[in-house]
Amino acid sequence: KLKRPVSDQDIFTFNTDFNSSQRRVRITNVQMKETTQERTKTVEAVSRDRLYLIDAAVVRILKARKSLEHVALMAQVMTQLKFPATSPDIKKRVESLIEREYMERDSTDRNRYNYLA
């Protein structure tokens, strides 16, 4: 265990004479703390990636079913995703997919979506 935090002025050297009687030697990593700016960048990147994952799940489900009601689509998307997606996030992505003509609302039933090939 480190007795004090590692600073930028600390110097580390490699001990070429080191020998161990054990087959494995554990070397612990010193983990740098993430700054708030890096943390916000990471959160933004994860959010952006999740948008594409939601899009892919919606398209995959509709491509297989060709037509599906809103509630069923939402339920299947939420079960297929590996992260907790909120209903408003999925609705935004559905609207985006409609605008980009991957899918459309059914002309007779507004709660049903049709896949466009």
PDB file of N, CA and C in Angstrom:
ATOM      1  N   LYS A   1       0.842  -1.186   0.000  1.00  0.00           N
ATOM      2  CA  LYS A   1       0.000   0.000   0.000  1.00  0.00           C
ATOM      3  C   LYS A   1       0.882   1.242   0.000  1.00  0.00           C
ATOM      4  N   LEU A   2       0.417   2.240  -0.712  1.00  0.00           N
ATOM      5  CA  LEU A   2       1.160   3.492  -0.767  1.00  0.00           C
ATOM      6  C   LEU A   2       0.921   4.293   0.503  1.00  0.00           C
ATOM      7  N   LYS A   3       1.990   4.830   1.015  1.00  0.00           N
ATOM      8  CA  LYS A   3       1.886   5.627   2.233  1.00  0.00           C
ATOM      9  C   LYS A   3       1.475   7.059   1.910  1.00  0.00           C
ATOM     10  N   ARG A   4       1.772   7.501   0.691  1.00  0.00           N
ATOM     11  CA  ARG A   4       1.412   8.848   0.269  1.00  0.00           C
ATOM     12  C   ARG A   4       1.046   8.796  -1.206  1.00  0.00           C
ATOM     13  N   PRO A   5       0.300   9.775  -1.668  1.00  0.00           N
ATOM     14  CA  PRO A   5      -0.069   9.787  -3.088  1.00  0.00           C
ATOM     15  C   PRO A   5       1.146  10.030  -3.984  1.00  0.00           C
ATOM     16  N   VAL A   6       1.082   9.500  -5.179  1.00  0.00           N
ATOM     17  CA  VAL A   6       2.161   9.660  -6.149  1.00  0.00           C
ATOM     18  C   VAL A   6       2.016  11.033  -6.799  1.00  0.00           C
ATOM     19  N   SER A   7       3.116  11.760  -6.880  1.00  0.00           N
ATOM     20  CA  SER A   7       3.088  13.087  -7.501  1.00  0.00           C
ATOM     21  C   SER A   7       3.860  13.057  -8.819  1.00  0.00           C
ATOM     22  N   ASP A   8       3.783  14.135  -9.569  1.00  0.00           N
ATOM     23  CA  ASP A   8       4.470  14.229 -10.859  1.00  0.00           C
ATOM     24  C   ASP A   8       5.988  14.250 -10.709  1.00  0.00           C
ATOM     25  N   GLN A   9       6.486  14.646  -9.558  1.00  0.00           N
ATOM     26  CA  GLN A   9       7.931  14.730  -9.349  1.00  0.00           C
ATOM     27  C   GLN A   9       8.542  13.390  -8.919  1.00  0.00           C
ATOM     28  N   ASP A  10       7.714  12.404  -8.581  1.00  0.00           N
ATOM     29  CA  ASP A  10       8.232  11.098  -8.164  1.00  0.00           C
ATOM     30  C   ASP A  10       8.885  10.385  -9.339  1.00  0.00           C
ATOM     31  N   ILE A  11       9.965   9.650  -9.042  1.00  0.00           N
ATOM     32  CA  ILE A  11      10.705   8.917 -10.068  1.00  0.00           C
ATOM     33  C   ILE A  11      10.680   7.438  -9.703  1.00  0.00           C
ATOM     34  N   PHE A  12      10.358   6.606 -10.693  1.00  0.00           N
ATOM     35  CA  PHE A  12      10.335   5.166 -10.498  1.00  0.00           C
ATOM     36  C   PHE A  12      11.436   4.543 -11.345  1.00  0.00           C
ATOM     37  N   THR A  13      12.093   3.521 -10.786  1.00  0.00           N
ATOM     38  CA  THR A  13      13.142   2.815 -11.521  1.00  0.00           C
ATOM     39  C   THR A  13      12.839   1.330 -11.516  1.00  0.00           C
ATOM     40  N   PHE A  14      13.401   0.637 -12.465  1.00  0.00           N
ATOM     41  CA  PHE A  14      13.210  -0.798 -12.611  1.00  0.00           C
ATOM     42  C   PHE A  14      14.362  -1.526 -11.924  1.00  0.00           C
ATOM     43  N   ASN A  15      14.046  -2.464 -11.039  1.00  0.00           N
ATOM     44  CA  ASN A  15      15.050  -3.217 -10.297  1.00  0.00           C
ATOM     45  C   ASN A  15      15.386  -4.481 -11.095  1.00  0.00           C
ATOM     46  N   THR A  16      16.514  -4.481 -11.781  1.00  0.00           N
ATOM     47  CA  THR A  16      16.907  -5.627 -12.614  1.00  0.00           C
ATOM     48  C   THR A  16      17.378  -6.809 -11.781  1.00  0.00           C
ATOM     49  N   ASP A  17      17.721  -6.594 -10.524  1.00  0.00           N
ATOM     50  CA  ASP A  17      18.202  -7.678  -9.659  1.00  0.00           C
ATOM     51  C   ASP A  17      17.076  -8.363  -8.891  1.00  0.00           C
ATOM     52  N   PHE A  18      15.838  -7.992  -9.154  1.00  0.00           N
ATOM     53  CA  PHE A  18      14.720  -8.550  -8.402  1.00  0.00           C
ATOM     54  C   PHE A  18      14.493 -10.009  -8.786  1.00  0.00           C
ATOM     55  N   ASN A  19      14.357 -10.861  -7.778  1.00  0.00           N
ATOM     56  CA  ASN A  19      14.021 -12.274  -7.955  1.00  0.00           C
ATOM     57  C   ASN A  19      12.921 -12.616  -6.969  1.00  0.00           C
ATOM     58  N   SER A  20      11.986 -13.440  -7.406  1.00  0.00           N
ATOM     59  CA  SER A  20      10.894 -13.837  -6.529  1.00  0.00           C
ATOM     60  C   SER A  20      10.834 -15.351  -6.467  1.00  0.00           C
ATOM     61  N   SER A  21      10.557 -15.870  -5.276  1.00  0.00           N
ATOM     62  CA  SER A  21      10.447 -17.319  -5.116  1.00  0.00           C
ATOM     63  C   SER A  21       9.093 -17.815  -5.631  1.00  0.00           C
ATOM     64  N   GLN A  22       8.154 -16.929  -5.774  1.00  0.00           N
ATOM     65  CA  GLN A  22       6.839 -17.309  -6.275  1.00  0.00           C
ATOM     66  C   GLN A  22       6.805 -17.209  -7.797  1.00  0.00           C
ATOM     67  N   ARG A  23       5.898 -17.959  -8.398  1.00  0.00           N
ATOM     68  CA  ARG A  23       5.794 -17.946  -9.855  1.00  0.00           C
ATOM     69  C   ARG A  23       5.144 -16.666 -10.366  1.00  0.00           C
ATOM     70  N   ARG A  24       4.236 -16.124  -9.567  1.00  0.00           N
ATOM     71  CA  ARG A  24       3.527 -14.917  -9.985  1.00  0.00           C
ATOM     72  C   ARG A  24       3.834 -13.786  -9.018  1.00  0.00           C
ATOM     73  N   VAL A  25       3.984 -12.633  -9.588  1.00  0.00           N
ATOM     74  CA  VAL A  25       4.225 -11.444  -8.787  1.00  0.00           C
ATOM     75  C   VAL A  25       3.088 -10.471  -9.068  1.00  0.00           C
ATOM     76  N   ARG A  26       2.463  -9.968  -8.014  1.00  0.00           N
ATOM     77  CA  ARG A  26       1.361  -9.018  -8.181  1.00  0.00           C
ATOM     78  C   ARG A  26       1.909  -7.603  -8.182  1.00  0.00           C
ATOM     79  N   ILE A  27       1.569  -6.882  -9.216  1.00  0.00           N
ATOM     80  CA  ILE A  27       1.965  -5.487  -9.328  1.00  0.00           C
ATOM     81  C   ILE A  27       0.681  -4.673  -9.389  1.00  0.00           C
ATOM     82  N   THR A  28       0.496  -3.804  -8.438  1.00  0.00           N
ATOM     83  CA  THR A  28      -0.728  -3.004  -8.419  1.00  0.00           C
ATOM     84  C   THR A  28      -0.555  -1.764  -9.291  1.00  0.00           C
ATOM     85  N   ASN A  29      -1.624  -1.379  -9.909  1.00  0.00           N
ATOM     86  CA  ASN A  29      -1.616  -0.184 -10.759  1.00  0.00           C
ATOM     87  C   ASN A  29      -1.978   1.038  -9.938  1.00  0.00           C
ATOM     88  N   VAL A  30      -1.360   2.120 -10.261  1.00  0.00           N
ATOM     89  CA  VAL A  30      -1.753   3.391  -9.679  1.00  0.00           C
ATOM     90  C   VAL A  30      -2.736   4.007 -10.658  1.00  0.00           C
ATOM     91  N   GLN A  31      -3.966   4.171 -10.203  1.00  0.00           N
ATOM     92  CA  GLN A  31      -5.006   4.653 -11.098  1.00  0.00           C
ATOM     93  C   GLN A  31      -5.139   6.163 -10.963  1.00  0.00           C
ATOM     94  N   MET A  32      -5.110   6.812 -12.110  1.00  0.00           N
ATOM     95  CA  MET A  32      -5.256   8.259 -12.130  1.00  0.00           C
ATOM     96  C   MET A  32      -6.718   8.611 -11.881  1.00  0.00           C
ATOM     97  N   LYS A  33      -6.950   9.686 -11.176  1.00  0.00           N
ATOM     98  CA  LYS A  33      -8.315  10.134 -10.947  1.00  0.00           C
ATOM     99  C   LYS A  33      -8.808  10.860 -12.186  1.00  0.00           C
ATOM    100  N   GLU A  34     -10.071  10.625 -12.501  1.00  0.00           N
ATOM    101  CA  GLU A  34     -10.681  11.239 -13.674  1.00  0.00           C
ATOM    102  C   GLU A  34     -11.158  12.645 -13.307  1.00  0.00           C
ATOM    103  N   THR A  35     -10.802  13.603 -14.108  1.00  0.00           N
ATOM    104  CA  THR A  35     -11.231  14.974 -13.846  1.00  0.00           C
ATOM    105  C   THR A  35     -12.701  15.130 -14.232  1.00  0.00           C
ATOM    106  N   THR A  36     -13.313  16.202 -13.771  1.00  0.00           N
ATOM    107  CA  THR A  36     -14.730  16.413 -14.088  1.00  0.00           C
ATOM    108  C   THR A  36     -14.934  16.621 -15.579  1.00  0.00           C
ATOM    109  N   GLN A  37     -13.967  17.254 -16.233  1.00  0.00           N
ATOM    110  CA  GLN A  37     -14.062  17.462 -17.682  1.00  0.00           C
ATOM    111  C   GLN A  37     -13.999  16.117 -18.412  1.00  0.00           C
ATOM    112  N   GLU A  38     -13.086  15.243 -17.988  1.00  0.00           N
ATOM    113  CA  GLU A  38     -12.996  13.917 -18.607  1.00  0.00           C
ATOM    114  C   GLU A  38     -14.256  13.112 -18.321  1.00  0.00           C
ATOM    115  N   ARG A  39     -14.792  13.254 -17.113  1.00  0.00           N
ATOM    116  CA  ARG A  39     -15.994  12.522 -16.742  1.00  0.00           C
ATOM    117  C   ARG A  39     -17.172  12.949 -17.613  1.00  0.00           C
ATOM    118  N   THR A  40     -17.319  14.255 -17.867  1.00  0.00           N
ATOM    119  CA  THR A  40     -18.418  14.713 -18.718  1.00  0.00           C
ATOM    120  C   THR A  40     -18.230  14.246 -20.155  1.00  0.00           C
ATOM    121  N   LYS A  41     -16.981  14.213 -20.625  1.00  0.00           N
ATOM    122  CA  LYS A  41     -16.711  13.685 -21.973  1.00  0.00           C
ATOM    123  C   LYS A  41     -17.110  12.215 -22.060  1.00  0.00           C
ATOM    124  N   THR A  42     -16.772  11.462 -21.022  1.00  0.00           N
ATOM    125  CA  THR A  42     -17.099  10.038 -20.988  1.00  0.00           C
ATOM    126  C   THR A  42     -18.609   9.836 -20.980  1.00  0.00           C
ATOM    127  N   VAL A  43     -19.310  10.597 -20.160  1.00  0.00           N
ATOM    128  CA  VAL A  43     -20.769  10.481 -20.079  1.00  0.00           C
ATOM    129  C   VAL A  43     -21.407  10.832 -21.422  1.00  0.00           C
ATOM    130  N   GLU A  44     -20.908  11.874 -22.079  1.00  0.00           N
ATOM    131  CA  GLU A  44     -21.439  12.256 -23.395  1.00  0.00           C
ATOM    132  C   GLU A  44     -21.196  11.163 -24.428  1.00  0.00           C
ATOM    133  N   ALA A  45     -20.014  10.558 -24.394  1.00  0.00           N
ATOM    134  CA  ALA A  45     -19.694   9.488 -25.349  1.00  0.00           C
ATOM    135  C   ALA A  45     -20.597   8.278 -25.119  1.00  0.00           C
ATOM    136  N   VAL A  46     -20.818   7.935 -23.862  1.00  0.00           N
ATOM    137  CA  VAL A  46     -21.689   6.801 -23.538  1.00  0.00           C
ATOM    138  C   VAL A  46     -23.119   7.096 -23.989  1.00  0.00           C
ATOM    139  N   SER A  47     -23.583   8.312 -23.743  1.00  0.00           N
ATOM    140  CA  SER A  47     -24.939   8.697 -24.168  1.00  0.00           C
ATOM    141  C   SER A  47     -25.088   8.612 -25.681  1.00  0.00           C
ATOM    142  N   ARG A  48     -24.076   9.086 -26.397  1.00  0.00           N
ATOM    143  CA  ARG A  48     -24.103   9.049 -27.864  1.00  0.00           C
ATOM    144  C   ARG A  48     -24.121   7.593 -28.354  1.00  0.00           C
ATOM    145  N   ASP A  49     -23.309   6.741 -27.742  1.00  0.00           N
ATOM    146  CA  ASP A  49     -23.285   5.330 -28.131  1.00  0.00           C
ATOM    147  C   ASP A  49     -24.627   4.660 -27.852  1.00  0.00           C
ATOM    148  N   ARG A  50     -25.250   5.038 -26.739  1.00  0.00           N
ATOM    149  CA  ARG A  50     -26.535   4.437 -26.386  1.00  0.00           C
ATOM    150  C   ARG A  50     -27.626   4.815 -27.379  1.00  0.00           C
ATOM    151  N   LEU A  51     -27.540   6.002 -27.959  1.00  0.00           N
ATOM    152  CA  LEU A  51     -28.522   6.391 -28.973  1.00  0.00           C
ATOM    153  C   LEU A  51     -28.482   5.419 -30.145  1.00  0.00           C
ATOM    154  N   TYR A  52     -27.284   5.082 -30.582  1.00  0.00           N
ATOM    155  CA  TYR A  52     -27.138   4.147 -31.705  1.00  0.00           C
ATOM    156  C   TYR A  52     -27.604   2.741 -31.317  1.00  0.00           C
ATOM    157  N   LEU A  53     -27.372   2.358 -30.066  1.00  0.00           N
ATOM    158  CA  LEU A  53     -27.822   1.040 -29.613  1.00  0.00           C
ATOM    159  C   LEU A  53     -29.347   0.965 -29.580  1.00  0.00           C
ATOM    160  N   ILE A  54     -29.990   2.051 -29.159  1.00  0.00           N
ATOM    161  CA  ILE A  54     -31.457   2.088 -29.161  1.00  0.00           C
ATOM    162  C   ILE A  54     -31.972   2.021 -30.596  1.00  0.00           C
ATOM    163  N   ASP A  55     -31.369   2.807 -31.488  1.00  0.00           N
ATOM    164  CA  ASP A  55     -31.761   2.771 -32.907  1.00  0.00           C
ATOM    165  C   ASP A  55     -31.651   1.356 -33.463  1.00  0.00           C
ATOM    166  N   ALA A  56     -30.530   0.724 -33.195  1.00  0.00           N
ATOM    167  CA  ALA A  56     -30.291  -0.623 -33.725  1.00  0.00           C
ATOM    168  C   ALA A  56     -31.314  -1.616 -33.184  1.00  0.00           C
ATOM    169  N   ALA A  57     -31.636  -1.517 -31.903  1.00  0.00           N
ATOM    170  CA  ALA A  57     -32.605  -2.441 -31.307  1.00  0.00           C
ATOM    171  C   ALA A  57     -33.991  -2.245 -31.919  1.00  0.00           C
ATOM    172  N   VAL A  58     -34.411  -1.000 -32.082  1.00  0.00           N
ATOM    173  CA  VAL A  58     -35.731  -0.719 -32.661  1.00  0.00           C
ATOM    174  C   VAL A  58     -35.803  -1.255 -34.088  1.00  0.00           C
ATOM    175  N   VAL A  59     -34.793  -0.968 -34.889  1.00  0.00           N
ATOM    176  CA  VAL A  59     -34.794  -1.419 -36.285  1.00  0.00           C
ATOM    177  C   VAL A  59     -34.759  -2.945 -36.353  1.00  0.00           C
ATOM    178  N   ARG A  60     -33.940  -3.564 -35.517  1.00  0.00           N
ATOM    179  CA  ARG A  60     -33.829  -5.026 -35.505  1.00  0.00           C
ATOM    180  C   ARG A  60     -35.178  -5.671 -35.172  1.00  0.00           C
ATOM    181  N   ILE A  61     -35.851  -5.142 -34.165  1.00  0.00           N
ATOM    182  CA  ILE A  61     -37.142  -5.701 -33.747  1.00  0.00           C
ATOM    183  C   ILE A  61     -38.194  -5.492 -34.835  1.00  0.00           C
ATOM    184  N   LEU A  62     -38.271  -4.287 -35.370  1.00  0.00           N
ATOM    185  CA  LEU A  62     -39.274  -4.020 -36.412  1.00  0.00           C
ATOM    186  C   LEU A  62     -38.985  -4.770 -37.707  1.00  0.00           C
ATOM    187  N   LYS A  63     -37.720  -4.961 -38.013  1.00  0.00           N
ATOM    188  CA  LYS A  63     -37.368  -5.698 -39.230  1.00  0.00           C
ATOM    189  C   LYS A  63     -37.849  -7.141 -39.124  1.00  0.00           C
ATOM    190  N   ALA A  64     -37.751  -7.709 -37.925  1.00  0.00           N
ATOM    191  CA  ALA A  64     -38.195  -9.089 -37.724  1.00  0.00           C
ATOM    192  C   ALA A  64     -39.718  -9.196 -37.700  1.00  0.00           C
ATOM    193  N   ARG A  65     -40.403  -8.216 -37.121  1.00  0.00           N
ATOM    194  CA  ARG A  65     -41.854  -8.286 -36.947  1.00  0.00           C
ATOM    195  C   ARG A  65     -42.638  -7.576 -38.058  1.00  0.00           C
ATOM    196  N   LYS A  66     -41.992  -6.691 -38.804  1.00  0.00           N
ATOM    197  CA  LYS A  66     -42.593  -5.886 -39.882  1.00  0.00           C
ATOM    198  C   LYS A  66     -43.581  -4.836 -39.367  1.00  0.00           C
ATOM    199  N   SER A  67     -44.382  -5.161 -38.356  1.00  0.00           N
ATOM    200  CA  SER A  67     -45.355  -4.225 -37.804  1.00  0.00           C
ATOM    201  C   SER A  67     -45.546  -4.554 -36.329  1.00  0.00           C
ATOM    202  N   LEU A  68     -45.614  -3.507 -35.505  1.00  0.00           N
ATOM    203  CA  LEU A  68     -45.700  -3.745 -34.062  1.00  0.00           C
ATOM    204  C   LEU A  68     -46.347  -2.549 -33.389  1.00  0.00           C
ATOM    205  N   GLU A  69     -47.109  -2.819 -32.326  1.00  0.00           N
ATOM    206  CA  GLU A  69     -47.724  -1.735 -31.568  1.00  0.00           C
ATOM    207  C   GLU A  69     -46.685  -1.052 -30.692  1.00  0.00           C
ATOM    208  N   HIS A  70     -46.975   0.192 -30.331  1.00  0.00           N
ATOM    209  CA  HIS A  70     -46.042   1.019 -29.561  1.00  0.00           C
ATOM    210  C   HIS A  70     -45.638   0.351 -28.246  1.00  0.00           C
ATOM    211  N   VAL A  71     -46.603  -0.132 -27.482  1.00  0.00           N
ATOM    212  CA  VAL A  71     -46.318  -0.722 -26.166  1.00  0.00           C
ATOM    213  C   VAL A  71     -45.441  -1.963 -26.311  1.00  0.00           C
ATOM    214  N   ALA A  72     -45.755  -2.801 -27.278  1.00  0.00           N
ATOM    215  CA  ALA A  72     -44.968  -4.018 -27.497  1.00  0.00           C
ATOM    216  C   ALA A  72     -43.548  -3.678 -27.939  1.00  0.00           C
ATOM    217  N   LEU A  73     -43.417  -2.680 -28.801  1.00  0.00           N
ATOM    218  CA  LEU A  73     -42.089  -2.255 -29.256  1.00  0.00           C
ATOM    219  C   LEU A  73     -41.261  -1.737 -28.087  1.00  0.00           C
ATOM    220  N   MET A  74     -41.856  -0.891 -27.255  1.00  0.00           N
ATOM    221  CA  MET A  74     -41.144  -0.341 -26.095  1.00  0.00           C
ATOM    222  C   MET A  74     -40.685  -1.463 -25.165  1.00  0.00           C
ATOM    223  N   ALA A  75     -41.564  -2.423 -24.898  1.00  0.00           N
ATOM    224  CA  ALA A  75     -41.226  -3.523 -23.992  1.00  0.00           C
ATOM    225  C   ALA A  75     -40.084  -4.362 -24.556  1.00  0.00           C
ATOM    226  N   GLN A  76     -40.141  -4.674 -25.843  1.00  0.00           N
ATOM    227  CA  GLN A  76     -39.099  -5.495 -26.450  1.00  0.00           C
ATOM    228  C   GLN A  76     -37.767  -4.766 -26.512  1.00  0.00           C
ATOM    229  N   VAL A  77     -37.801  -3.473 -26.782  1.00  0.00           N
ATOM    230  CA  VAL A  77     -36.557  -2.694 -26.823  1.00  0.00           C
ATOM    231  C   VAL A  77     -35.921  -2.672 -25.437  1.00  0.00           C
ATOM    232  N   MET A  78     -36.727  -2.435 -24.403  1.00  0.00           N
ATOM    233  CA  MET A  78     -36.188  -2.373 -23.038  1.00  0.00           C
ATOM    234  C   MET A  78     -35.590  -3.703 -22.594  1.00  0.00           C
ATOM    235  N   THR A  79     -36.200  -4.822 -23.010  1.00  0.00           N
ATOM    236  CA  THR A  79     -35.642  -6.124 -22.622  1.00  0.00           C
ATOM    237  C   THR A  79     -34.389  -6.454 -23.429  1.00  0.00           C
ATOM    238  N   GLN A  80     -34.310  -5.967 -24.654  1.00  0.00           N
ATOM    239  CA  GLN A  80     -33.164  -6.287 -25.498  1.00  0.00           C
ATOM    240  C   GLN A  80     -31.916  -5.478 -25.147  1.00  0.00           C
ATOM    241  N   LEU A  81     -32.108  -4.264 -24.647  1.00  0.00           N
ATOM    242  CA  LEU A  81     -30.964  -3.414 -24.318  1.00  0.00           C
ATOM    243  C   LEU A  81     -30.301  -3.878 -23.028  1.00  0.00           C
ATOM    244  N   LYS A  82     -28.992  -3.703 -22.957  1.00  0.00           N
ATOM    245  CA  LYS A  82     -28.232  -4.137 -21.786  1.00  0.00           C
ATOM    246  C   LYS A  82     -28.039  -3.019 -20.770  1.00  0.00           C
ATOM    247  N   PHE A  83     -28.683  -1.897 -21.002  1.00  0.00           N
ATOM    248  CA  PHE A  83     -28.609  -0.772 -20.075  1.00  0.00           C
ATOM    249  C   PHE A  83     -30.029  -0.272 -19.839  1.00  0.00           C
ATOM    250  N   PRO A  84     -30.274   0.394 -18.720  1.00  0.00           N
ATOM    251  CA  PRO A  84     -31.634   0.873 -18.444  1.00  0.00           C
ATOM    252  C   PRO A  84     -31.977   2.092 -19.296  1.00  0.00           C
ATOM    253  N   ALA A  85     -32.797   1.883 -20.291  1.00  0.00           N
ATOM    254  CA  ALA A  85     -33.217   2.977 -21.174  1.00  0.00           C
ATOM    255  C   ALA A  85     -34.557   3.515 -20.681  1.00  0.00           C
ATOM    256  N   THR A  86     -34.714   4.819 -20.748  1.00  0.00           N
ATOM    257  CA  THR A  86     -35.971   5.419 -20.317  1.00  0.00           C
ATOM    258  C   THR A  86     -36.939   5.496 -21.493  1.00  0.00           C
ATOM    259  N   SER A  87     -38.200   5.547 -21.167  1.00  0.00           N
ATOM    260  CA  SER A  87     -39.232   5.618 -22.193  1.00  0.00           C
ATOM    261  C   SER A  87     -39.093   6.865 -23.075  1.00  0.00           C
ATOM    262  N   PRO A  88     -38.817   8.053 -22.498  1.00  0.00           N
ATOM    263  CA  PRO A  88     -38.631   9.233 -23.368  1.00  0.00           C
ATOM    264  C   PRO A  88     -37.456   9.098 -24.333  1.00  0.00           C
ATOM    265  N   ASP A  89     -36.370   8.448 -23.899  1.00  0.00           N
ATOM    266  CA  ASP A  89     -35.222   8.245 -24.791  1.00  0.00           C
ATOM    267  C   ASP A  89     -35.616   7.387 -25.993  1.00  0.00           C
ATOM    268  N   ILE A  90     -36.353   6.321 -25.724  1.00  0.00           N
ATOM    269  CA  ILE A  90     -36.766   5.424 -26.808  1.00  0.00           C
ATOM    270  C   ILE A  90     -37.738   6.147 -27.744  1.00  0.00           C
ATOM    271  N   LYS A  91     -38.643   6.932 -27.168  1.00  0.00           N
ATOM    272  CA  LYS A  91     -39.600   7.682 -27.999  1.00  0.00           C
ATOM    273  C   LYS A  91     -38.878   8.653 -28.927  1.00  0.00           C
ATOM    274  N   LYS A  92     -37.848   9.332 -28.414  1.00  0.00           N
ATOM    275  CA  LYS A  92     -37.073  10.258 -29.249  1.00  0.00           C
ATOM    276  C   LYS A  92     -36.409   9.523 -30.406  1.00  0.00           C
ATOM    277  N   ARG A  93     -35.860   8.337 -30.113  1.00  0.00           N
ATOM    278  CA  ARG A  93     -35.187   7.570 -31.155  1.00  0.00           C
ATOM    279  C   ARG A  93     -36.190   7.043 -32.176  1.00  0.00           C
ATOM    280  N   VAL A  94     -37.389   6.669 -31.729  1.00  0.00           N
ATOM    281  CA  VAL A  94     -38.433   6.221 -32.652  1.00  0.00           C
ATOM    282  C   VAL A  94     -38.806   7.367 -33.589  1.00  0.00           C
ATOM    283  N   GLU A  95     -38.978   8.567 -33.035  1.00  0.00           N
ATOM    284  CA  GLU A  95     -39.298   9.733 -33.871  1.00  0.00           C
ATOM    285  C   GLU A  95     -38.171  10.015 -34.865  1.00  0.00           C
ATOM    286  N   SER A  96     -36.940   9.863 -34.417  1.00  0.00           N
ATOM    287  CA  SER A  96     -35.795  10.066 -35.305  1.00  0.00           C
ATOM    288  C   SER A  96     -35.801   9.047 -36.442  1.00  0.00           C
ATOM    289  N   LEU A  97     -36.119   7.804 -36.126  1.00  0.00           N
ATOM    290  CA  LEU A  97     -36.169   6.758 -37.154  1.00  0.00           C
ATOM    291  C   LEU A  97     -37.320   7.001 -38.137  1.00  0.00           C
ATOM    292  N   ILE A  98     -38.416   7.559 -37.648  1.00  0.00           N
ATOM    293  CA  ILE A  98     -39.532   7.901 -38.538  1.00  0.00           C
ATOM    294  C   ILE A  98     -39.103   9.014 -39.490  1.00  0.00           C
ATOM    295  N   GLU A  99     -38.409  10.026 -38.957  1.00  0.00           N
ATOM    296  CA  GLU A  99     -37.925  11.131 -39.798  1.00  0.00           C
ATOM    297  C   GLU A  99     -36.933  10.649 -40.848  1.00  0.00           C
ATOM    298  N   ARG A 100     -36.110   9.675 -40.478  1.00  0.00           N
ATOM    299  CA  ARG A 100     -35.107   9.153 -41.409  1.00  0.00           C
ATOM    300  C   ARG A 100     -35.665   8.033 -42.279  1.00  0.00           C
ATOM    301  N   GLU A 101     -36.968   7.784 -42.180  1.00  0.00           N
ATOM    302  CA  GLU A 101     -37.711   6.834 -43.010  1.00  0.00           C
ATOM    303  C   GLU A 101     -37.247   5.388 -42.871  1.00  0.00           C
ATOM    304  N   TYR A 102     -36.898   4.992 -41.656  1.00  0.00           N
ATOM    305  CA  TYR A 102     -36.649   3.583 -41.372  1.00  0.00           C
ATOM    306  C   TYR A 102     -37.959   2.895 -41.007  1.00  0.00           C
ATOM    307  N   MET A 103     -38.905   3.688 -40.503  1.00  0.00           N
ATOM    308  CA  MET A 103     -40.197   3.162 -40.092  1.00  0.00           C
ATOM    309  C   MET A 103     -41.238   4.262 -40.248  1.00  0.00           C
ATOM    310  N   GLU A 104     -42.513   3.867 -40.119  1.00  0.00           N
ATOM    311  CA  GLU A 104     -43.597   4.841 -40.219  1.00  0.00           C
ATOM    312  C   GLU A 104     -44.709   4.450 -39.262  1.00  0.00           C
ATOM    313  N   ARG A 105     -45.540   5.423 -38.939  1.00  0.00           N
ATOM    314  CA  ARG A 105     -46.745   5.124 -38.166  1.00  0.00           C
ATOM    315  C   ARG A 105     -47.773   4.528 -39.128  1.00  0.00           C
ATOM    316  N   ASP A 106     -48.525   3.572 -38.627  1.00  0.00           N
ATOM    317  CA  ASP A 106     -49.564   2.947 -39.437  1.00  0.00           C
ATOM    318  C   ASP A 106     -50.638   3.983 -39.750  1.00  0.00           C
ATOM    319  N   SER A 107     -51.132   3.982 -40.975  1.00  0.00           N
ATOM    320  CA  SER A 107     -52.119   4.993 -41.385  1.00  0.00           C
ATOM    321  C   SER A 107     -53.478   4.781 -40.716  1.00  0.00           C
ATOM    322  N   THR A 108     -53.808   3.546 -40.351  1.00  0.00           N
ATOM    323  CA  THR A 108     -55.103   3.279 -39.715  1.00  0.00           C
ATOM    324  C   THR A 108     -55.010   3.277 -38.193  1.00  0.00           C
ATOM    325  N   ASP A 109     -53.902   2.794 -37.642  1.00  0.00           N
ATOM    326  CA  ASP A 109     -53.722   2.716 -36.187  1.00  0.00           C
ATOM    327  C   ASP A 109     -52.479   3.516 -35.805  1.00  0.00           C
ATOM    328  N   ARG A 110     -52.656   4.662 -35.156  1.00  0.00           N
ATOM    329  CA  ARG A 110     -51.534   5.550 -34.828  1.00  0.00           C
ATOM    330  C   ARG A 110     -50.611   4.964 -33.758  1.00  0.00           C
ATOM    331  N   ASN A 111     -51.036   3.899 -33.064  1.00  0.00           N
ATOM    332  CA  ASN A 111     -50.195   3.255 -32.050  1.00  0.00           C
ATOM    333  C   ASN A 111     -49.388   2.099 -32.622  1.00  0.00           C
ATOM    334  N   ARG A 112     -49.399   1.946 -33.918  1.00  0.00           N
ATOM    335  CA  ARG A 112     -48.685   0.848 -34.572  1.00  0.00           C
ATOM    336  C   ARG A 112     -47.623   1.422 -35.499  1.00  0.00           C
ATOM    337  N   TYR A 113     -46.467   0.759 -35.510  1.00  0.00           N
ATOM    338  CA  TYR A 113     -45.360   1.169 -36.383  1.00  0.00           C
ATOM    339  C   TYR A 113     -45.135   0.097 -37.436  1.00  0.00           C
ATOM    340  N   ASN A 114     -44.791   0.524 -38.642  1.00  0.00           N
ATOM    341  CA  ASN A 114     -44.467  -0.385 -39.738  1.00  0.00           C
ATOM    342  C   ASN A 114     -43.017  -0.170 -40.138  1.00  0.00           C
ATOM    343  N   TYR A 115     -42.334  -1.263 -40.418  1.00  0.00           N
ATOM    344  CA  TYR A 115     -40.947  -1.191 -40.876  1.00  0.00           C
ATOM    345  C   TYR A 115     -40.924  -0.871 -42.360  1.00  0.00           C
ATOM    346  N   LEU A 116     -40.060   0.044 -42.755  1.00  0.00           N
ATOM    347  CA  LEU A 116     -39.892   0.373 -44.171  1.00  0.00           C
ATOM    348  C   LEU A 116     -38.570  -0.206 -44.649  1.00  0.00           C
ATOM    349  N   ALA A 117     -38.624  -1.056 -45.675  1.00  0.00           N
ATOM    350  CA  ALA A 117     -37.405  -1.690 -46.179  1.00  0.00           C
ATOM    351  C   ALA A 117     -36.584  -0.741 -47.014  1.00  0.00           C
TER     352      ALA A 117
END
